[in-house]
């Protein structure tokens, strides 16, 4: 049962990462190479760096949590808690990335940097 939780959580992370990757790929096509994308707090990053950060951060955190889950040494309660953390974070990262991307693209549209 505990190993099933590990694989189910991995599946949720794969879905979240696929969603983030596909929307980032669409944004990559819309945003010209020289445009800096707005991040949080007024910071702007180059297009590739911004999309890389928004994909790379969840990927690294997901891999770390997956490694912690696969390492074992957890009792049933710990395994369930780690599963719930992984499942929740997968969804939250997808929501945060999609919300940021939508806001960033709207800002760039308002500035005339990308077409609608």
C-alpha atoms as a PDB file:
ATOM      1  CA  UNK A   1       0.000   0.000   0.000  1.00  0.00           C
ATOM      2  CA  UNK A   2       2.771   2.426   0.899  1.00  0.00           C
ATOM      3  CA  UNK A   3       4.573   1.874  -2.387  1.00  0.00           C
ATOM      4  CA  UNK A   4       1.300   2.626  -4.202  1.00  0.00           C
ATOM      5  CA  UNK A   5       1.186   6.050  -2.541  1.00  0.00           C
ATOM      6  CA  UNK A   6       4.690   6.727  -3.844  1.00  0.00           C
ATOM      7  CA  UNK A   7       3.713   5.905  -7.424  1.00  0.00           C
ATOM      8  CA  UNK A   8       0.407   7.787  -7.258  1.00  0.00           C
ATOM      9  CA  UNK A   9       2.217  10.902  -6.009  1.00  0.00           C
ATOM     10  CA  UNK A  10       4.811  10.488  -8.777  1.00  0.00           C
ATOM     11  CA  UNK A  11       1.959  10.355 -11.291  1.00  0.00           C
ATOM     12  CA  UNK A  12       0.483  13.567  -9.922  1.00  0.00           C
ATOM     13  CA  UNK A  13       3.887  15.276 -10.250  1.00  0.00           C
ATOM     14  CA  UNK A  14       4.211  14.031 -13.822  1.00  0.00           C
ATOM     15  CA  UNK A  15       0.794  15.504 -14.644  1.00  0.00           C
ATOM     16  CA  UNK A  16       1.658  18.823 -13.003  1.00  0.00           C
ATOM     17  CA  UNK A  17       5.018  19.012 -14.767  1.00  0.00           C
ATOM     18  CA  UNK A  18       3.423  18.129 -18.112  1.00  0.00           C
ATOM     19  CA  UNK A  19       0.903  20.929 -17.647  1.00  0.00           C
ATOM     20  CA  UNK A  20       3.629  23.412 -16.723  1.00  0.00           C
ATOM     21  CA  UNK A  21       5.839  22.305 -19.621  1.00  0.00           C
ATOM     22  CA  UNK A  22       3.090  22.475 -22.233  1.00  0.00           C
ATOM     23  CA  UNK A  23       1.951  25.943 -21.213  1.00  0.00           C
ATOM     24  CA  UNK A  24       5.550  27.154 -20.993  1.00  0.00           C
ATOM     25  CA  UNK A  25       6.162  25.844 -24.493  1.00  0.00           C
ATOM     26  CA  UNK A  26       3.161  27.802 -25.740  1.00  0.00           C
ATOM     27  CA  UNK A  27       4.460  30.940 -24.051  1.00  0.00           C
ATOM     28  CA  UNK A  28       7.891  30.356 -25.546  1.00  0.00           C
ATOM     29  CA  UNK A  29       6.321  30.591 -28.984  1.00  0.00           C
ATOM     30  CA  UNK A  30       4.413  33.803 -28.172  1.00  0.00           C
ATOM     31  CA  UNK A  31       7.126  35.782 -26.400  1.00  0.00           C
ATOM     32  CA  UNK A  32       9.959  37.101 -28.578  1.00  0.00           C
ATOM     33  CA  UNK A  33      13.493  36.143 -27.547  1.00  0.00           C
ATOM     34  CA  UNK A  34      14.599  39.613 -26.406  1.00  0.00           C
ATOM     35  CA  UNK A  35      11.640  40.241 -24.103  1.00  0.00           C
ATOM     36  CA  UNK A  36      12.071  40.100 -20.326  1.00  0.00           C
ATOM     37  CA  UNK A  37       9.161  38.468 -18.547  1.00  0.00           C
ATOM     38  CA  UNK A  38       7.816  39.969 -15.322  1.00  0.00           C
ATOM     39  CA  UNK A  39       8.284  37.871 -12.219  1.00  0.00           C
ATOM     40  CA  UNK A  40       7.128  38.703  -8.692  1.00  0.00           C
ATOM     41  CA  UNK A  41       8.127  41.919  -6.982  1.00  0.00           C
ATOM     42  CA  UNK A  42       8.786  43.847 -10.188  1.00  0.00           C
ATOM     43  CA  UNK A  43      11.770  41.706 -11.167  1.00  0.00           C
ATOM     44  CA  UNK A  44      12.075  40.826 -14.840  1.00  0.00           C
ATOM     45  CA  UNK A  45      14.028  37.916 -16.232  1.00  0.00           C
ATOM     46  CA  UNK A  46      14.930  36.943 -19.763  1.00  0.00           C
ATOM     47  CA  UNK A  47      12.285  34.766 -21.386  1.00  0.00           C
ATOM     48  CA  UNK A  48      14.247  31.502 -21.283  1.00  0.00           C
ATOM     49  CA  UNK A  49      15.464  32.060 -17.726  1.00  0.00           C
ATOM     50  CA  UNK A  50      11.989  32.954 -16.437  1.00  0.00           C
ATOM     51  CA  UNK A  51      10.375  29.905 -18.022  1.00  0.00           C
ATOM     52  CA  UNK A  52      13.279  27.733 -16.888  1.00  0.00           C
ATOM     53  CA  UNK A  53      12.928  28.866 -13.290  1.00  0.00           C
ATOM     54  CA  UNK A  54       9.188  28.295 -13.327  1.00  0.00           C
ATOM     55  CA  UNK A  55       9.719  24.769 -14.660  1.00  0.00           C
ATOM     56  CA  UNK A  56      12.950  23.912 -12.856  1.00  0.00           C
ATOM     57  CA  UNK A  57      11.939  24.828  -9.310  1.00  0.00           C
ATOM     58  CA  UNK A  58       8.931  22.469  -9.169  1.00  0.00           C
ATOM     59  CA  UNK A  59      10.948  19.784 -10.946  1.00  0.00           C
ATOM     60  CA  UNK A  60      13.772  19.876  -8.404  1.00  0.00           C
ATOM     61  CA  UNK A  61      11.407  19.990  -5.435  1.00  0.00           C
ATOM     62  CA  UNK A  62       9.362  17.119  -6.882  1.00  0.00           C
ATOM     63  CA  UNK A  63      12.466  15.024  -7.475  1.00  0.00           C
ATOM     64  CA  UNK A  64      13.657  15.698  -3.937  1.00  0.00           C
ATOM     65  CA  UNK A  65      10.329  14.684  -2.443  1.00  0.00           C
ATOM     66  CA  UNK A  66      10.205  11.612  -4.659  1.00  0.00           C
ATOM     67  CA  UNK A  67      13.678  10.602  -3.496  1.00  0.00           C
ATOM     68  CA  UNK A  68      12.628  11.075   0.119  1.00  0.00           C
ATOM     69  CA  UNK A  69       9.583   8.919  -0.469  1.00  0.00           C
ATOM     70  CA  UNK A  70      11.550   6.205  -2.269  1.00  0.00           C
ATOM     71  CA  UNK A  71      14.290   6.131   0.377  1.00  0.00           C
ATOM     72  CA  UNK A  72      11.906   4.440   2.773  1.00  0.00           C
ATOM     73  CA  UNK A  73      12.339   4.468   6.500  1.00  0.00           C
ATOM     74  CA  UNK A  74       8.890   5.963   6.972  1.00  0.00           C
ATOM     75  CA  UNK A  75       6.145   4.399   9.000  1.00  0.00           C
ATOM     76  CA  UNK A  76       2.608   4.295   7.590  1.00  0.00           C
ATOM     77  CA  UNK A  77       1.658   7.656   9.061  1.00  0.00           C
ATOM     78  CA  UNK A  78       4.804   9.335   7.716  1.00  0.00           C
ATOM     79  CA  UNK A  79       4.234   7.829   4.273  1.00  0.00           C
ATOM     80  CA  UNK A  80       0.661   9.116   4.163  1.00  0.00           C
ATOM     81  CA  UNK A  81       1.738  12.583   5.297  1.00  0.00           C
ATOM     82  CA  UNK A  82       4.481  12.699   2.652  1.00  0.00           C
ATOM     83  CA  UNK A  83       1.988  11.543   0.027  1.00  0.00           C
ATOM     84  CA  UNK A  84      -0.431  14.304   0.993  1.00  0.00           C
ATOM     85  CA  UNK A  85       2.350  16.907   0.911  1.00  0.00           C
ATOM     86  CA  UNK A  86       3.472  15.737  -2.526  1.00  0.00           C
ATOM     87  CA  UNK A  87      -0.071  15.633  -3.906  1.00  0.00           C
ATOM     88  CA  UNK A  88      -0.873  19.089  -2.557  1.00  0.00           C
ATOM     89  CA  UNK A  89       2.369  20.657  -3.765  1.00  0.00           C
ATOM     90  CA  UNK A  90       1.975  19.203  -7.256  1.00  0.00           C
ATOM     91  CA  UNK A  91      -1.363  20.941  -7.657  1.00  0.00           C
ATOM     92  CA  UNK A  92      -0.179  24.146  -6.016  1.00  0.00           C
ATOM     93  CA  UNK A  93       2.888  24.404  -8.234  1.00  0.00           C
ATOM     94  CA  UNK A  94       0.736  23.934 -11.328  1.00  0.00           C
ATOM     95  CA  UNK A  95      -1.695  26.629 -10.166  1.00  0.00           C
ATOM     96  CA  UNK A  96       1.084  29.059  -9.238  1.00  0.00           C
ATOM     97  CA  UNK A  97       2.915  28.557 -12.536  1.00  0.00           C
ATOM     98  CA  UNK A  98      -0.218  28.917 -14.630  1.00  0.00           C
ATOM     99  CA  UNK A  99      -1.337  32.002 -12.695  1.00  0.00           C
ATOM    100  CA  UNK A 100       2.094  33.597 -13.085  1.00  0.00           C
ATOM    101  CA  UNK A 101       2.200  32.779 -16.792  1.00  0.00           C
ATOM    102  CA  UNK A 102      -1.256  34.229 -17.414  1.00  0.00           C
ATOM    103  CA  UNK A 103      -0.406  37.415 -15.540  1.00  0.00           C
ATOM    104  CA  UNK A 104       2.966  37.742 -17.210  1.00  0.00           C
ATOM    105  CA  UNK A 105       1.491  37.307 -20.684  1.00  0.00           C
ATOM    106  CA  UNK A 106      -1.262  39.829 -19.937  1.00  0.00           C
ATOM    107  CA  UNK A 107       1.333  42.355 -18.787  1.00  0.00           C
ATOM    108  CA  UNK A 108       3.388  41.783 -21.916  1.00  0.00           C
ATOM    109  CA  UNK A 109       0.257  42.116 -24.080  1.00  0.00           C
ATOM    110  CA  UNK A 110      -0.577  45.435 -22.397  1.00  0.00           C
ATOM    111  CA  UNK A 111       2.954  46.621 -23.106  1.00  0.00           C
ATOM    112  CA  UNK A 112       2.660  45.524 -26.740  1.00  0.00           C
ATOM    113  CA  UNK A 113       5.549  43.061 -26.427  1.00  0.00           C
ATOM    114  CA  UNK A 114       3.450  40.083 -27.575  1.00  0.00           C
ATOM    115  CA  UNK A 115       0.369  39.715 -29.698  1.00  0.00           C
ATOM    116  CA  UNK A 116      -2.939  38.631 -28.233  1.00  0.00           C
END
